Amino acid sequence: MLISEDYPWSKLLREYLYYCAVGCINVAIFFTIYWVLYDVNLHSTYRAGSAWALAYLISTVQSHFLHRWLTFESASDYKRSLVIMVLIYIIFLAISTASQAYFADTLGYNHWLVWAVNTSAFGFLSFLSLRIYAFPLSDGRVTRVERLETFRESRRA
């Protein structure tokens, strides 16, 4: 169960706000990659869809790193959480790429508008999926300060 005495609605909301703040960084990077790839014109028929797919894949690894460090106070194993996050993102990649290609390339809606709607909708679904599957509460908790201190100690050694 996601909401409990140890993890109340207020904690979920606070964590979602962190997710959104870190997400702004991720989206800025994703947007820049998409913009460049759209101008490159990777595929003549599915210009927006192909740019979306490749930008999404590139930004996934960077996104995992930042969410692990800044968003989720989870002690989840790095490799395990990365694999689960990639699986979640692959599922959303398939659905969101189809959406981007359909609405922008097939129906002719403005590709920037479709990009913004896709990013918002799939961002929220990603947060819930990551909290439940990639960074589950059952794995324990490590605060940002503790994670930073561990990192600093490993650099000194």
N, C-alpha and C. Protein backbone atom coordinates (compact mmCIF):
# COMPACT_ATOMS: atom_id res chain seq x y z
N MET A 1 0.85 -1.18 0.00
CA MET A 1 0.00 0.00 0.00
C MET A 1 0.89 1.24 0.00
N LEU A 2 0.56 2.19 -0.82
CA LEU A 2 1.39 3.38 -0.98
C LEU A 2 1.26 4.33 0.21
N ILE A 3 0.05 4.61 0.63
CA ILE A 3 -0.18 5.54 1.73
C ILE A 3 -0.30 4.75 3.03
N SER A 4 0.44 5.17 4.05
CA SER A 4 0.40 4.50 5.34
C SER A 4 0.72 5.50 6.43
N GLU A 5 0.80 5.01 7.64
CA GLU A 5 1.16 5.87 8.76
C GLU A 5 2.60 6.39 8.61
N ASP A 6 3.48 5.53 8.10
CA ASP A 6 4.87 5.91 7.89
C ASP A 6 5.07 6.76 6.64
N TYR A 7 4.12 6.68 5.71
CA TYR A 7 4.22 7.42 4.44
C TYR A 7 2.85 8.06 4.15
N PRO A 8 2.56 9.16 4.83
CA PRO A 8 1.24 9.81 4.67
C PRO A 8 1.14 10.59 3.35
N TRP A 9 -0.08 11.08 3.08
CA TRP A 9 -0.33 11.88 1.89
C TRP A 9 0.62 13.07 1.80
N SER A 10 0.93 13.70 2.94
CA SER A 10 1.80 14.87 2.93
C SER A 10 3.20 14.51 2.43
N LYS A 11 3.69 13.33 2.80
CA LYS A 11 5.01 12.88 2.32
C LYS A 11 4.95 12.58 0.83
N LEU A 12 3.89 11.95 0.37
CA LEU A 12 3.72 11.67 -1.05
C LEU A 12 3.68 12.97 -1.85
N LEU A 13 2.95 13.95 -1.37
CA LEU A 13 2.86 15.23 -2.06
C LEU A 13 4.21 15.93 -2.09
N ARG A 14 4.91 15.92 -0.97
CA ARG A 14 6.24 16.55 -0.91
C ARG A 14 7.20 15.86 -1.88
N GLU A 15 7.14 14.55 -1.92
CA GLU A 15 8.00 13.80 -2.84
C GLU A 15 7.62 14.08 -4.30
N TYR A 16 6.34 14.23 -4.56
CA TYR A 16 5.90 14.56 -5.92
C TYR A 16 6.40 15.95 -6.32
N LEU A 17 6.42 16.87 -5.38
CA LEU A 17 6.95 18.21 -5.67
C LEU A 17 8.44 18.15 -5.99
N TYR A 18 9.19 17.34 -5.25
CA TYR A 18 10.60 17.10 -5.59
C TYR A 18 10.71 16.50 -6.98
N TYR A 19 9.86 15.52 -7.26
CA TYR A 19 9.86 14.87 -8.56
C TYR A 19 9.63 15.89 -9.67
N CYS A 20 8.69 16.80 -9.44
CA CYS A 20 8.39 17.84 -10.44
C CYS A 20 9.57 18.80 -10.61
N ALA A 21 10.21 19.17 -9.51
CA ALA A 21 11.36 20.08 -9.58
C ALA A 21 12.52 19.42 -10.34
N VAL A 22 12.84 18.19 -9.97
CA VAL A 22 13.89 17.45 -10.68
C VAL A 22 13.44 17.19 -12.12
N GLY A 23 12.14 16.94 -12.28
CA GLY A 23 11.59 16.73 -13.61
C GLY A 23 11.78 17.93 -14.53
N CYS A 24 11.76 19.12 -13.97
CA CYS A 24 12.00 20.32 -14.79
C CYS A 24 13.40 20.29 -15.40
N ILE A 25 14.37 19.84 -14.62
CA ILE A 25 15.73 19.69 -15.14
C ILE A 25 15.74 18.62 -16.23
N ASN A 26 15.13 17.48 -15.93
CA ASN A 26 15.08 16.38 -16.90
C ASN A 26 14.37 16.80 -18.18
N VAL A 27 13.27 17.50 -18.04
CA VAL A 27 12.50 17.93 -19.20
C VAL A 27 13.27 18.94 -20.03
N ALA A 28 14.01 19.82 -19.38
CA ALA A 28 14.82 20.79 -20.12
C ALA A 28 15.86 20.07 -20.98
N ILE A 29 16.49 19.07 -20.41
CA ILE A 29 17.47 18.29 -21.16
C ILE A 29 16.78 17.51 -22.27
N PHE A 30 15.67 16.87 -21.94
CA PHE A 30 14.88 16.12 -22.91
C PHE A 30 14.42 17.03 -24.06
N PHE A 31 13.92 18.21 -23.71
CA PHE A 31 13.45 19.17 -24.70
C PHE A 31 14.57 19.59 -25.64
N THR A 32 15.75 19.85 -25.10
CA THR A 32 16.88 20.27 -25.92
C THR A 32 17.27 19.16 -26.90
N ILE A 33 17.32 17.94 -26.40
CA ILE A 33 17.65 16.81 -27.28
C ILE A 33 16.57 16.65 -28.36
N TYR A 34 15.30 16.75 -27.96
CA TYR A 34 14.19 16.63 -28.93
C TYR A 34 14.29 17.72 -30.00
N TRP A 35 14.54 18.93 -29.57
CA TRP A 35 14.63 20.06 -30.49
C TRP A 35 15.72 19.82 -31.55
N VAL A 36 16.88 19.40 -31.09
CA VAL A 36 18.00 19.14 -32.01
C VAL A 36 17.64 18.00 -32.96
N LEU A 37 17.11 16.91 -32.42
CA LEU A 37 16.78 15.76 -33.26
C LEU A 37 15.63 16.04 -34.22
N TYR A 38 14.68 16.89 -33.81
CA TYR A 38 13.60 17.26 -34.72
C TYR A 38 14.17 18.02 -35.92
N ASP A 39 15.11 18.91 -35.66
CA ASP A 39 15.75 19.65 -36.75
C ASP A 39 16.60 18.76 -37.64
N VAL A 40 17.17 17.69 -37.06
CA VAL A 40 17.96 16.74 -37.84
C VAL A 40 17.07 15.97 -38.82
N ASN A 41 15.80 15.77 -38.45
CA ASN A 41 14.83 15.06 -39.29
C ASN A 41 15.26 13.60 -39.50
N LEU A 42 15.18 12.83 -38.45
CA LEU A 42 15.62 11.43 -38.46
C LEU A 42 14.80 10.54 -39.38
N HIS A 43 13.52 10.87 -39.54
CA HIS A 43 12.62 10.06 -40.37
C HIS A 43 11.68 10.99 -41.11
N SER A 44 11.61 10.86 -42.41
CA SER A 44 10.82 11.81 -43.20
C SER A 44 9.31 11.72 -42.93
N THR A 45 8.79 10.56 -42.63
CA THR A 45 7.36 10.41 -42.37
C THR A 45 7.01 10.69 -40.92
N TYR A 46 7.84 10.20 -40.00
CA TYR A 46 7.57 10.34 -38.57
C TYR A 46 8.65 11.19 -37.91
N ARG A 47 8.74 12.41 -38.35
CA ARG A 47 9.77 13.32 -37.86
C ARG A 47 9.64 13.55 -36.34
N ALA A 48 8.45 13.91 -35.88
CA ALA A 48 8.25 14.17 -34.46
C ALA A 48 8.35 12.89 -33.64
N GLY A 49 7.78 11.81 -34.13
CA GLY A 49 7.80 10.54 -33.40
C GLY A 49 9.21 9.99 -33.23
N SER A 50 10.02 10.05 -34.28
CA SER A 50 11.39 9.53 -34.18
C SER A 50 12.25 10.41 -33.28
N ALA A 51 12.08 11.72 -33.36
CA ALA A 51 12.83 12.63 -32.48
C ALA A 51 12.43 12.39 -31.02
N TRP A 52 11.15 12.21 -30.78
CA TRP A 52 10.65 11.94 -29.43
C TRP A 52 11.28 10.66 -28.88
N ALA A 53 11.25 9.58 -29.66
CA ALA A 53 11.72 8.27 -29.18
C ALA A 53 13.20 8.31 -28.80
N LEU A 54 14.04 8.87 -29.65
CA LEU A 54 15.46 8.89 -29.36
C LEU A 54 15.79 9.83 -28.20
N ALA A 55 15.16 10.98 -28.15
CA ALA A 55 15.38 11.92 -27.04
C ALA A 55 14.93 11.29 -25.72
N TYR A 56 13.83 10.57 -25.74
CA TYR A 56 13.30 9.89 -24.56
C TYR A 56 14.31 8.87 -24.04
N LEU A 57 14.86 8.06 -24.94
CA LEU A 57 15.82 7.03 -24.54
C LEU A 57 17.08 7.64 -23.94
N ILE A 58 17.60 8.67 -24.58
CA ILE A 58 18.83 9.29 -24.09
C ILE A 58 18.63 9.90 -22.71
N SER A 59 17.50 10.55 -22.52
CA SER A 59 17.27 11.24 -21.25
C SER A 59 16.86 10.30 -20.11
N THR A 60 16.55 9.05 -20.40
CA THR A 60 16.12 8.10 -19.37
C THR A 60 17.22 7.81 -18.35
N VAL A 61 18.42 7.58 -18.81
CA VAL A 61 19.52 7.26 -17.89
C VAL A 61 19.83 8.46 -17.01
N GLN A 62 19.89 9.63 -17.60
CA GLN A 62 20.13 10.86 -16.84
C GLN A 62 19.01 11.08 -15.82
N SER A 63 17.80 10.80 -16.21
CA SER A 63 16.65 10.95 -15.32
C SER A 63 16.75 10.02 -14.11
N HIS A 64 17.14 8.78 -14.33
CA HIS A 64 17.28 7.83 -13.24
C HIS A 64 18.28 8.33 -12.21
N PHE A 65 19.41 8.80 -12.70
CA PHE A 65 20.46 9.28 -11.81
C PHE A 65 19.94 10.41 -10.92
N LEU A 66 19.29 11.41 -11.53
CA LEU A 66 18.82 12.54 -10.74
C LEU A 66 17.69 12.17 -9.79
N HIS A 67 16.76 11.34 -10.23
CA HIS A 67 15.66 10.94 -9.33
C HIS A 67 16.18 10.08 -8.18
N ARG A 68 17.14 9.25 -8.44
CA ARG A 68 17.70 8.43 -7.37
C ARG A 68 18.38 9.31 -6.33
N TRP A 69 19.10 10.32 -6.77
CA TRP A 69 19.83 11.19 -5.85
C TRP A 69 18.95 12.23 -5.18
N LEU A 70 17.98 12.78 -5.91
CA LEU A 70 17.28 13.95 -5.40
C LEU A 70 15.81 13.73 -5.05
N THR A 71 15.14 12.82 -5.68
CA THR A 71 13.69 12.69 -5.50
C THR A 71 13.31 11.67 -4.45
N PHE A 72 13.71 10.43 -4.67
CA PHE A 72 13.23 9.33 -3.85
C PHE A 72 14.22 9.01 -2.73
N GLU A 73 13.75 8.96 -1.52
CA GLU A 73 14.58 8.60 -0.38
C GLU A 73 14.55 7.09 -0.21
N SER A 74 14.99 6.41 -1.23
CA SER A 74 14.92 4.96 -1.25
C SER A 74 16.31 4.35 -1.21
N ALA A 75 16.42 3.26 -0.49
CA ALA A 75 17.68 2.53 -0.41
C ALA A 75 17.73 1.41 -1.44
N SER A 76 16.92 1.50 -2.47
CA SER A 76 16.87 0.47 -3.51
C SER A 76 18.23 0.28 -4.16
N ASP A 77 18.50 -0.95 -4.54
CA ASP A 77 19.73 -1.27 -5.25
C ASP A 77 19.77 -0.49 -6.57
N TYR A 78 20.94 0.08 -6.89
CA TYR A 78 21.06 0.95 -8.06
C TYR A 78 20.71 0.20 -9.35
N LYS A 79 21.32 -0.95 -9.57
CA LYS A 79 21.09 -1.70 -10.82
C LYS A 79 19.64 -2.14 -10.93
N ARG A 80 19.10 -2.65 -9.84
CA ARG A 80 17.70 -3.11 -9.85
C ARG A 80 16.75 -1.97 -10.17
N SER A 81 16.95 -0.83 -9.51
CA SER A 81 16.05 0.31 -9.75
C SER A 81 16.22 0.85 -11.17
N LEU A 82 17.44 0.81 -11.70
CA LEU A 82 17.67 1.26 -13.08
C LEU A 82 16.95 0.35 -14.07
N VAL A 83 17.08 -0.96 -13.87
CA VAL A 83 16.42 -1.91 -14.77
C VAL A 83 14.90 -1.72 -14.73
N ILE A 84 14.35 -1.60 -13.55
CA ILE A 84 12.90 -1.42 -13.43
C ILE A 84 12.48 -0.09 -14.04
N MET A 85 13.25 0.96 -13.79
CA MET A 85 12.92 2.27 -14.37
C MET A 85 12.97 2.20 -15.90
N VAL A 86 13.98 1.54 -16.44
CA VAL A 86 14.07 1.41 -17.89
C VAL A 86 12.87 0.65 -18.44
N LEU A 87 12.46 -0.41 -17.76
CA LEU A 87 11.27 -1.17 -18.20
C LEU A 87 10.02 -0.29 -18.17
N ILE A 88 9.86 0.47 -17.08
CA ILE A 88 8.71 1.38 -16.99
C ILE A 88 8.76 2.41 -18.11
N TYR A 89 9.94 2.97 -18.31
CA TYR A 89 10.09 3.99 -19.34
C TYR A 89 9.91 3.42 -20.75
N ILE A 90 10.31 2.17 -20.97
CA ILE A 90 10.11 1.56 -22.29
C ILE A 90 8.62 1.42 -22.58
N ILE A 91 7.86 1.01 -21.58
CA ILE A 91 6.41 0.89 -21.77
C ILE A 91 5.82 2.27 -22.09
N PHE A 92 6.20 3.28 -21.30
CA PHE A 92 5.69 4.63 -21.56
C PHE A 92 6.26 5.20 -22.86
N LEU A 93 7.47 4.78 -23.22
CA LEU A 93 8.06 5.22 -24.49
C LEU A 93 7.21 4.75 -25.66
N ALA A 94 6.82 3.49 -25.64
CA ALA A 94 6.02 2.94 -26.73
C ALA A 94 4.68 3.68 -26.84
N ILE A 95 4.02 3.87 -25.71
CA ILE A 95 2.71 4.53 -25.72
C ILE A 95 2.84 6.00 -26.10
N SER A 96 3.80 6.70 -25.50
CA SER A 96 3.94 8.14 -25.75
C SER A 96 4.47 8.43 -27.16
N THR A 97 5.33 7.55 -27.70
CA THR A 97 5.80 7.74 -29.07
C THR A 97 4.65 7.55 -30.05
N ALA A 98 3.82 6.55 -29.82
CA ALA A 98 2.65 6.36 -30.67
C ALA A 98 1.73 7.58 -30.59
N SER A 99 1.55 8.09 -29.39
CA SER A 99 0.73 9.29 -29.20
C SER A 99 1.34 10.50 -29.92
N GLN A 100 2.64 10.70 -29.76
CA GLN A 100 3.32 11.83 -30.41
C GLN A 100 3.20 11.72 -31.93
N ALA A 101 3.47 10.54 -32.46
CA ALA A 101 3.40 10.34 -33.91
C ALA A 101 1.97 10.50 -34.42
N TYR A 102 1.00 9.95 -33.70
CA TYR A 102 -0.39 10.03 -34.15
C TYR A 102 -0.90 11.46 -34.15
N PHE A 103 -0.76 12.14 -33.02
CA PHE A 103 -1.32 13.49 -32.93
C PHE A 103 -0.55 14.52 -33.73
N ALA A 104 0.77 14.42 -33.76
CA ALA A 104 1.58 15.43 -34.48
C ALA A 104 1.76 15.08 -35.95
N ASP A 105 2.16 13.85 -36.23
CA ASP A 105 2.50 13.48 -37.61
C ASP A 105 1.29 13.07 -38.44
N THR A 106 0.33 12.40 -37.82
CA THR A 106 -0.83 11.92 -38.57
C THR A 106 -1.97 12.94 -38.59
N LEU A 107 -2.35 13.44 -37.41
CA LEU A 107 -3.47 14.38 -37.33
C LEU A 107 -3.05 15.83 -37.58
N GLY A 108 -1.76 16.11 -37.47
CA GLY A 108 -1.26 17.44 -37.79
C GLY A 108 -1.33 18.47 -36.68
N TYR A 109 -1.54 18.02 -35.44
CA TYR A 109 -1.51 18.99 -34.33
C TYR A 109 -0.08 19.52 -34.18
N ASN A 110 0.05 20.68 -33.63
CA ASN A 110 1.35 21.29 -33.41
C ASN A 110 2.21 20.35 -32.56
N HIS A 111 3.39 20.01 -33.06
CA HIS A 111 4.21 19.01 -32.36
C HIS A 111 4.69 19.50 -31.00
N TRP A 112 4.82 20.82 -30.80
CA TRP A 112 5.23 21.33 -29.49
C TRP A 112 4.09 21.16 -28.47
N LEU A 113 2.87 21.40 -28.90
CA LEU A 113 1.72 21.22 -28.02
C LEU A 113 1.58 19.74 -27.63
N VAL A 114 1.71 18.86 -28.60
CA VAL A 114 1.61 17.43 -28.33
C VAL A 114 2.74 17.00 -27.40
N TRP A 115 3.93 17.54 -27.61
CA TRP A 115 5.08 17.24 -26.74
C TRP A 115 4.76 17.64 -25.30
N ALA A 116 4.21 18.82 -25.09
CA ALA A 116 3.90 19.32 -23.75
C ALA A 116 2.84 18.46 -23.07
N VAL A 117 1.79 18.10 -23.79
CA VAL A 117 0.72 17.27 -23.22
C VAL A 117 1.26 15.88 -22.88
N ASN A 118 2.02 15.29 -23.79
CA ASN A 118 2.61 13.97 -23.53
C ASN A 118 3.52 14.00 -22.31
N THR A 119 4.36 15.01 -22.22
CA THR A 119 5.30 15.12 -21.12
C THR A 119 4.57 15.23 -19.79
N SER A 120 3.52 16.03 -19.73
CA SER A 120 2.76 16.20 -18.49
C SER A 120 2.05 14.91 -18.08
N ALA A 121 1.35 14.31 -19.01
CA ALA A 121 0.57 13.11 -18.70
C ALA A 121 1.46 11.94 -18.29
N PHE A 122 2.48 11.69 -19.06
CA PHE A 122 3.33 10.55 -18.76
C PHE A 122 4.27 10.83 -17.59
N GLY A 123 4.52 12.09 -17.28
CA GLY A 123 5.32 12.44 -16.11
C GLY A 123 4.65 12.00 -14.83
N PHE A 124 3.37 12.27 -14.68
CA PHE A 124 2.64 11.87 -13.48
C PHE A 124 2.56 10.35 -13.36
N LEU A 125 2.26 9.68 -14.46
CA LEU A 125 2.21 8.21 -14.43
C LEU A 125 3.58 7.62 -14.10
N SER A 126 4.63 8.26 -14.58
CA SER A 126 5.99 7.80 -14.28
C SER A 126 6.29 7.92 -12.79
N PHE A 127 5.91 9.05 -12.18
CA PHE A 127 6.14 9.23 -10.75
C PHE A 127 5.52 8.09 -9.95
N LEU A 128 4.26 7.81 -10.19
CA LEU A 128 3.58 6.74 -9.45
C LEU A 128 4.25 5.39 -9.69
N SER A 129 4.59 5.10 -10.92
CA SER A 129 5.22 3.82 -11.25
C SER A 129 6.60 3.69 -10.61
N LEU A 130 7.37 4.78 -10.64
CA LEU A 130 8.70 4.73 -10.05
C LEU A 130 8.63 4.55 -8.54
N ARG A 131 7.72 5.27 -7.89
CA ARG A 131 7.58 5.17 -6.43
C ARG A 131 7.18 3.75 -6.03
N ILE A 132 6.29 3.15 -6.78
CA ILE A 132 5.76 1.83 -6.42
C ILE A 132 6.72 0.69 -6.79
N TYR A 133 7.32 0.76 -7.98
CA TYR A 133 8.09 -0.38 -8.49
C TYR A 133 9.61 -0.20 -8.46
N ALA A 134 10.13 0.94 -8.89
CA ALA A 134 11.58 1.12 -8.97
C ALA A 134 12.19 1.51 -7.62
N PHE A 135 11.47 2.33 -6.87
CA PHE A 135 11.95 2.82 -5.58
C PHE A 135 10.91 2.54 -4.50
N PRO A 136 10.59 1.26 -4.27
CA PRO A 136 9.52 0.94 -3.31
C PRO A 136 9.90 1.29 -1.88
N LEU A 137 8.92 1.64 -1.11
CA LEU A 137 9.13 1.97 0.29
C LEU A 137 9.68 0.79 1.08
N SER A 138 9.36 -0.41 0.64
CA SER A 138 9.81 -1.61 1.35
C SER A 138 11.33 -1.79 1.30
N ASP A 139 12.01 -1.10 0.40
CA ASP A 139 13.47 -1.19 0.31
C ASP A 139 14.18 -0.37 1.37
N GLY A 140 13.44 0.38 2.13
CA GLY A 140 14.04 1.22 3.16
C GLY A 140 14.24 2.65 2.68
N ARG A 141 14.80 3.46 3.56
CA ARG A 141 14.90 4.89 3.29
C ARG A 141 16.32 5.37 3.55
N VAL A 142 16.82 6.21 2.68
CA VAL A 142 18.09 6.89 2.89
C VAL A 142 17.86 8.34 2.47
N THR A 143 18.14 9.26 3.37
CA THR A 143 17.88 10.66 3.07
C THR A 143 18.91 11.20 2.09
N ARG A 144 18.61 12.34 1.51
CA ARG A 144 19.54 12.99 0.59
C ARG A 144 20.84 13.33 1.29
N VAL A 145 20.75 13.79 2.53
CA VAL A 145 21.94 14.14 3.31
C VAL A 145 22.79 12.89 3.56
N GLU A 146 22.15 11.78 3.95
CA GLU A 146 22.89 10.54 4.18
C GLU A 146 23.55 10.04 2.90
N ARG A 147 22.83 10.14 1.78
CA ARG A 147 23.37 9.70 0.48
C ARG A 147 24.58 10.55 0.10
N LEU A 148 24.49 11.86 0.33
CA LEU A 148 25.59 12.77 0.02
C LEU A 148 26.79 12.49 0.91
N GLU A 149 26.54 12.24 2.18
CA GLU A 149 27.64 11.94 3.11
C GLU A 149 28.33 10.63 2.71
N THR A 150 27.58 9.63 2.33
CA THR A 150 28.15 8.36 1.88
C THR A 150 29.00 8.58 0.63
N PHE A 151 28.51 9.41 -0.27
CA PHE A 151 29.26 9.73 -1.48
C PHE A 151 30.57 10.43 -1.15
N ARG A 152 30.50 11.41 -0.25
CA ARG A 152 31.71 12.14 0.16
C ARG A 152 32.73 11.21 0.81
N GLU A 153 32.26 10.31 1.66
CA GLU A 153 33.17 9.37 2.32
C GLU A 153 33.82 8.44 1.31
N SER A 154 33.08 8.01 0.31
CA SER A 154 33.65 7.12 -0.71
C SER A 154 34.69 7.85 -1.55
N ARG A 155 34.54 9.14 -1.72
CA ARG A 155 35.52 9.93 -2.48
C ARG A 155 36.82 10.12 -1.69
N ARG A 156 36.71 10.16 -0.36
CA ARG A 156 37.88 10.34 0.50
C ARG A 156 38.73 9.07 0.57
N ALA A 157 38.08 7.94 0.45
CA ALA A 157 38.77 6.66 0.62
C ALA A 157 39.70 6.33 -0.54
